Amino acid sequence: MARAEQVRRPEDDFTTPVPGSRVEVEVGGRVWLLDRAADLEALWNEMDGEDMGDDERLPYWAEVWPASVLLGRHILRNADRLRGRTCLDVGCGLGLTGMIASGVGAQVLAFDYEWPAVRFARRNADLNGVHQPLWTVMDWREPAVRPGAFEFIWAGDVLYEKRFFTPLVRLFRHALAPGGRIWIGEPVRTVSRPVWDELRGRGFAAEKLTVEKVALCGQNATVNLWEVTIP
């Protein structure tokens, strides 16, 4: 992965790409181009306590995570199912899965907690020549969407902290349409192992669909893909 070639200034607000920071990601035989402000480490080094705030707003959006690549593969495999369907992309980051789904004809609302992520996601959709999803800034703890609005919901690598679990469960119950499906990509990680039994205990059905290797930026990761439904 290319490194950022210059130091960010606070007034840049992480919304302008640094030369050399573009990422190329292959999914489904196509190379997707993703511009960003810089890599995670470079942005993190430029932040101070005030930037992080009470929510520890670390710039995870600036990276492409292996879970998103696996979700992108799954979206392409299910292109016929998604075409014309209402879909919610949770924590869209640089926009990879939202763009892939929009490219197969899904009606996508993609959101992130961080404004720079949404700005870059929109830029990247233009860069890759796909129809723009509806990009928005939203906090999953306070979902500003209609109840039962989405036939498909997906999220990549969102279970890395236990404090996210309960808000995400509330979001899923609020936003998922009757008979809808939730796809969650997550790396093999200790912290997320109890989540699936907890979901079942709260009335969800959870099935592991696949486990795949993802090669990204010179490293290999093992990623699980889960499907969650409300019986």
Protein backbone atom coordinates (compact mmCIF):
# COMPACT_ATOMS: atom_id res chain seq x y z
CA MET A 1 0.00 0.00 0.00
CA ALA A 2 1.30 3.43 -0.85
CA ARG A 3 2.15 5.68 2.03
CA ALA A 4 1.10 9.31 2.43
CA GLU A 5 3.78 11.54 0.96
CA GLN A 6 3.18 14.68 2.97
CA VAL A 7 2.01 15.77 6.39
CA ARG A 8 -1.61 16.81 6.75
CA ARG A 9 -2.52 20.19 8.13
CA PRO A 10 -5.39 20.49 10.62
CA GLU A 11 -7.24 22.88 8.33
CA ASP A 12 -7.31 20.26 5.56
CA ASP A 13 -9.96 18.34 7.56
CA PHE A 14 -8.83 15.11 5.85
CA THR A 15 -10.98 15.79 2.77
CA THR A 16 -8.32 16.22 0.07
CA PRO A 17 -6.38 13.24 -1.31
CA VAL A 18 -2.62 13.18 -0.84
CA PRO A 19 -0.59 12.19 -3.94
CA GLY A 20 0.36 8.54 -3.71
CA SER A 21 -2.46 7.55 -1.36
CA ARG A 22 -4.79 5.97 -3.94
CA VAL A 23 -5.58 2.30 -3.35
CA GLU A 24 -6.34 -0.23 -6.09
CA VAL A 25 -8.52 -3.15 -5.02
CA GLU A 26 -9.47 -6.11 -7.21
CA VAL A 27 -12.94 -7.54 -6.66
CA GLY A 28 -14.71 -9.80 -9.10
CA GLY A 29 -12.19 -9.30 -11.87
CA ARG A 30 -12.38 -5.52 -11.77
CA VAL A 31 -9.88 -3.13 -10.23
CA TRP A 32 -11.59 -0.46 -8.12
CA LEU A 33 -9.79 2.84 -7.56
CA LEU A 34 -10.15 4.37 -4.11
CA ASP A 35 -8.88 7.84 -3.31
CA ARG A 36 -8.42 8.84 0.33
CA ALA A 37 -6.83 11.56 2.43
CA ALA A 38 -3.89 9.34 3.43
CA ASP A 39 -3.51 5.99 5.12
CA LEU A 40 -4.80 5.26 8.62
CA GLU A 41 -1.43 5.60 10.31
CA ALA A 42 -0.65 8.97 8.72
CA LEU A 43 -4.06 10.39 9.67
CA TRP A 44 -3.87 8.95 13.17
CA ASN A 45 -0.51 10.62 13.73
CA GLU A 46 -2.03 13.97 12.83
CA MET A 47 -4.87 13.67 15.34
CA ASP A 48 -4.96 14.89 18.91
CA GLY A 49 -7.34 14.27 21.80
CA GLU A 50 -9.81 16.88 20.60
CA ASP A 51 -10.04 15.23 17.18
CA MET A 52 -10.94 11.86 18.72
CA GLY A 53 -13.55 13.18 21.14
CA ASP A 54 -15.54 10.99 23.51
CA ASP A 55 -16.24 8.46 20.75
CA GLU A 56 -12.57 7.85 19.93
CA ARG A 57 -13.19 8.84 16.33
CA LEU A 58 -10.18 7.13 14.80
CA PRO A 59 -9.92 7.35 11.00
CA TYR A 60 -10.64 3.69 10.29
CA TRP A 61 -12.61 4.84 7.24
CA ALA A 62 -9.32 5.64 5.45
CA GLU A 63 -8.39 1.96 5.05
CA VAL A 64 -9.83 -0.76 2.87
CA TRP A 65 -10.53 -3.74 5.11
CA PRO A 66 -10.50 -7.39 3.98
CA ALA A 67 -14.08 -7.84 5.21
CA SER A 68 -15.24 -5.28 2.65
CA VAL A 69 -13.52 -7.17 -0.14
CA LEU A 70 -15.32 -10.39 0.81
CA LEU A 71 -18.62 -8.52 1.03
CA GLY A 72 -17.96 -7.11 -2.42
CA ARG A 73 -17.45 -10.62 -3.78
CA HIS A 74 -20.69 -11.76 -2.17
CA ILE A 75 -22.60 -8.81 -3.58
CA LEU A 76 -21.42 -9.68 -7.09
CA ARG A 77 -22.37 -13.34 -6.59
CA ASN A 78 -25.86 -12.17 -5.62
CA ALA A 79 -26.25 -9.48 -8.27
CA ASP A 80 -29.58 -10.81 -9.52
CA ARG A 81 -31.03 -10.86 -6.00
CA LEU A 82 -29.92 -7.30 -5.30
CA ARG A 83 -30.97 -5.64 -8.55
CA GLY A 84 -33.68 -3.09 -7.76
CA ARG A 85 -33.67 -3.93 -4.04
CA THR A 86 -33.32 -1.46 -1.18
CA CYS A 87 -29.96 -1.88 0.54
CA LEU A 88 -28.21 -0.28 3.51
CA ASP A 89 -24.40 -0.12 3.62
CA VAL A 90 -23.38 0.30 7.27
CA GLY A 91 -20.09 2.14 7.81
CA CYS A 92 -19.38 2.67 4.12
CA GLY A 93 -15.83 4.00 4.51
CA LEU A 94 -14.30 4.75 1.12
CA GLY A 95 -17.38 3.36 -0.62
CA LEU A 96 -16.23 0.01 -2.02
CA THR A 97 -19.27 -2.17 -1.27
CA GLY A 98 -21.74 0.64 -1.93
CA MET A 99 -20.24 1.19 -5.38
CA ILE A 100 -20.22 -2.52 -6.19
CA ALA A 101 -23.88 -2.88 -5.20
CA SER A 102 -24.89 0.23 -7.11
CA GLY A 103 -23.05 -1.14 -10.11
CA VAL A 104 -25.31 -4.22 -10.17
CA GLY A 105 -28.45 -2.10 -9.95
CA ALA A 106 -29.22 -2.09 -6.22
CA GLN A 107 -30.82 0.96 -4.60
CA VAL A 108 -28.18 1.75 -2.01
CA LEU A 109 -28.15 4.08 0.95
CA ALA A 110 -24.59 4.08 2.30
CA PHE A 111 -23.60 5.85 5.50
CA ASP A 112 -20.62 6.53 7.68
CA TYR A 113 -20.17 8.38 10.97
CA GLU A 114 -17.40 10.52 9.49
CA TRP A 115 -17.97 13.25 6.92
CA PRO A 116 -14.58 12.79 5.15
CA ALA A 117 -15.47 9.15 4.47
CA VAL A 118 -18.72 10.12 2.77
CA ARG A 119 -16.99 12.80 0.74
CA PHE A 120 -14.36 10.36 -0.51
CA ALA A 121 -16.97 7.67 -1.19
CA ARG A 122 -18.83 10.04 -3.49
CA ARG A 123 -15.58 11.01 -5.19
CA ASN A 124 -14.70 7.35 -5.67
CA ALA A 125 -18.04 6.54 -7.29
CA ASP A 126 -17.31 9.24 -9.87
CA LEU A 127 -13.76 7.95 -10.26
CA ASN A 128 -15.04 4.44 -11.02
CA GLY A 129 -17.91 5.53 -13.24
CA VAL A 130 -20.76 3.95 -11.28
CA HIS A 131 -24.17 5.35 -10.41
CA GLN A 132 -23.99 7.28 -7.16
CA PRO A 133 -25.54 5.58 -4.14
CA LEU A 134 -27.23 7.90 -1.67
CA TRP A 135 -24.31 8.75 0.61
CA THR A 136 -25.04 10.21 4.02
CA VAL A 137 -23.54 10.87 7.43
CA MET A 138 -25.38 8.95 10.14
CA ASP A 139 -24.79 7.54 13.60
CA TRP A 140 -25.96 3.93 13.82
CA ARG A 141 -27.01 4.64 17.42
CA GLU A 142 -29.64 7.04 16.06
CA PRO A 143 -30.71 5.67 12.67
CA ALA A 144 -32.47 8.29 10.56
CA VAL A 145 -34.21 5.80 8.26
CA ARG A 146 -37.75 4.49 8.07
CA PRO A 147 -38.53 1.31 10.00
CA GLY A 148 -38.27 -1.78 7.84
CA ALA A 149 -36.93 0.16 4.87
CA PHE A 150 -34.18 -2.20 3.65
CA GLU A 151 -34.38 -5.65 2.15
CA PHE A 152 -30.62 -6.12 2.48
CA ILE A 153 -28.20 -4.68 5.03
CA TRP A 154 -24.47 -5.30 5.12
CA ALA A 155 -21.51 -4.27 7.24
CA GLY A 156 -17.80 -5.04 7.11
CA ASP A 157 -15.62 -5.38 10.21
CA VAL A 158 -17.89 -3.47 12.60
CA LEU A 159 -17.66 -5.86 15.56
CA TYR A 160 -14.15 -4.98 16.72
CA GLU A 161 -15.47 -3.42 19.95
CA LYS A 162 -18.09 -4.92 22.24
CA ARG A 163 -19.74 -1.52 22.78
CA PHE A 164 -20.94 -1.56 19.16
CA PHE A 165 -22.98 -4.73 19.54
CA THR A 166 -26.17 -3.45 21.18
CA PRO A 167 -26.52 -0.35 18.95
CA LEU A 168 -26.06 -2.50 15.85
CA VAL A 169 -28.72 -4.95 17.03
CA ARG A 170 -31.12 -2.03 17.46
CA LEU A 171 -30.25 -0.74 13.99
CA PHE A 172 -30.85 -4.14 12.41
CA ARG A 173 -34.23 -4.55 14.10
CA HIS A 174 -35.25 -1.04 13.12
CA ALA A 175 -34.11 -0.98 9.50
CA LEU A 176 -34.54 -4.54 8.19
CA ALA A 177 -37.62 -5.26 6.11
CA PRO A 178 -39.68 -8.39 6.88
CA GLY A 179 -37.90 -11.32 5.27
CA GLY A 180 -34.75 -9.25 4.78
CA ARG A 181 -31.16 -10.37 5.13
CA ILE A 182 -28.09 -8.96 6.87
CA TRP A 183 -24.59 -9.81 5.67
CA ILE A 184 -21.67 -9.25 8.02
CA GLY A 185 -18.06 -9.69 7.00
CA GLU A 186 -15.64 -10.04 9.88
CA PRO A 187 -12.07 -11.25 10.22
CA VAL A 188 -11.40 -14.23 12.44
CA ARG A 189 -11.07 -12.35 15.71
CA THR A 190 -11.54 -13.37 19.35
CA VAL A 191 -13.64 -10.36 20.35
CA SER A 192 -16.42 -11.20 17.88
CA ARG A 193 -16.72 -14.93 18.60
CA PRO A 194 -19.52 -14.58 21.22
CA VAL A 195 -21.57 -12.25 19.01
CA TRP A 196 -23.30 -14.95 16.98
CA ASP A 197 -24.63 -16.86 19.98
CA GLU A 198 -25.73 -13.56 21.50
CA LEU A 199 -27.62 -12.71 18.31
CA ARG A 200 -29.36 -16.07 18.41
CA GLY A 201 -30.24 -15.42 22.04
CA ARG A 202 -31.90 -12.16 20.99
CA GLY A 203 -34.13 -13.82 18.42
CA PHE A 204 -31.97 -13.63 15.29
CA ALA A 205 -30.87 -16.52 13.12
CA ALA A 206 -27.16 -16.45 12.25
CA GLU A 207 -25.47 -18.68 9.68
CA LYS A 208 -21.86 -18.63 8.55
CA LEU A 209 -21.99 -18.64 4.74
CA THR A 210 -18.31 -18.89 3.90
CA VAL A 211 -14.75 -18.46 5.15
CA GLU A 212 -12.33 -17.09 2.57
CA LYS A 213 -8.80 -15.80 2.26
CA VAL A 214 -8.48 -12.20 1.13
CA ALA A 215 -5.19 -10.89 -0.24
CA LEU A 216 -5.00 -7.13 0.22
CA CYS A 217 -2.05 -4.76 0.14
CA GLY A 218 0.48 -7.57 0.34
CA GLN A 219 -1.15 -9.35 3.28
CA ASN A 220 -3.52 -12.30 3.60
CA ALA A 221 -6.49 -12.31 5.96
CA THR A 222 -9.04 -14.98 6.79
CA VAL A 223 -12.55 -13.52 6.74
CA ASN A 224 -15.91 -14.97 7.77
CA LEU A 225 -19.13 -14.02 6.03
CA TRP A 226 -22.30 -14.35 8.09
CA GLU A 227 -25.96 -14.06 7.13
CA VAL A 228 -28.32 -12.84 9.84
CA THR A 229 -32.11 -12.90 9.61
CA ILE A 230 -35.09 -12.34 11.88
CA PRO A 231 -37.27 -15.49 11.72
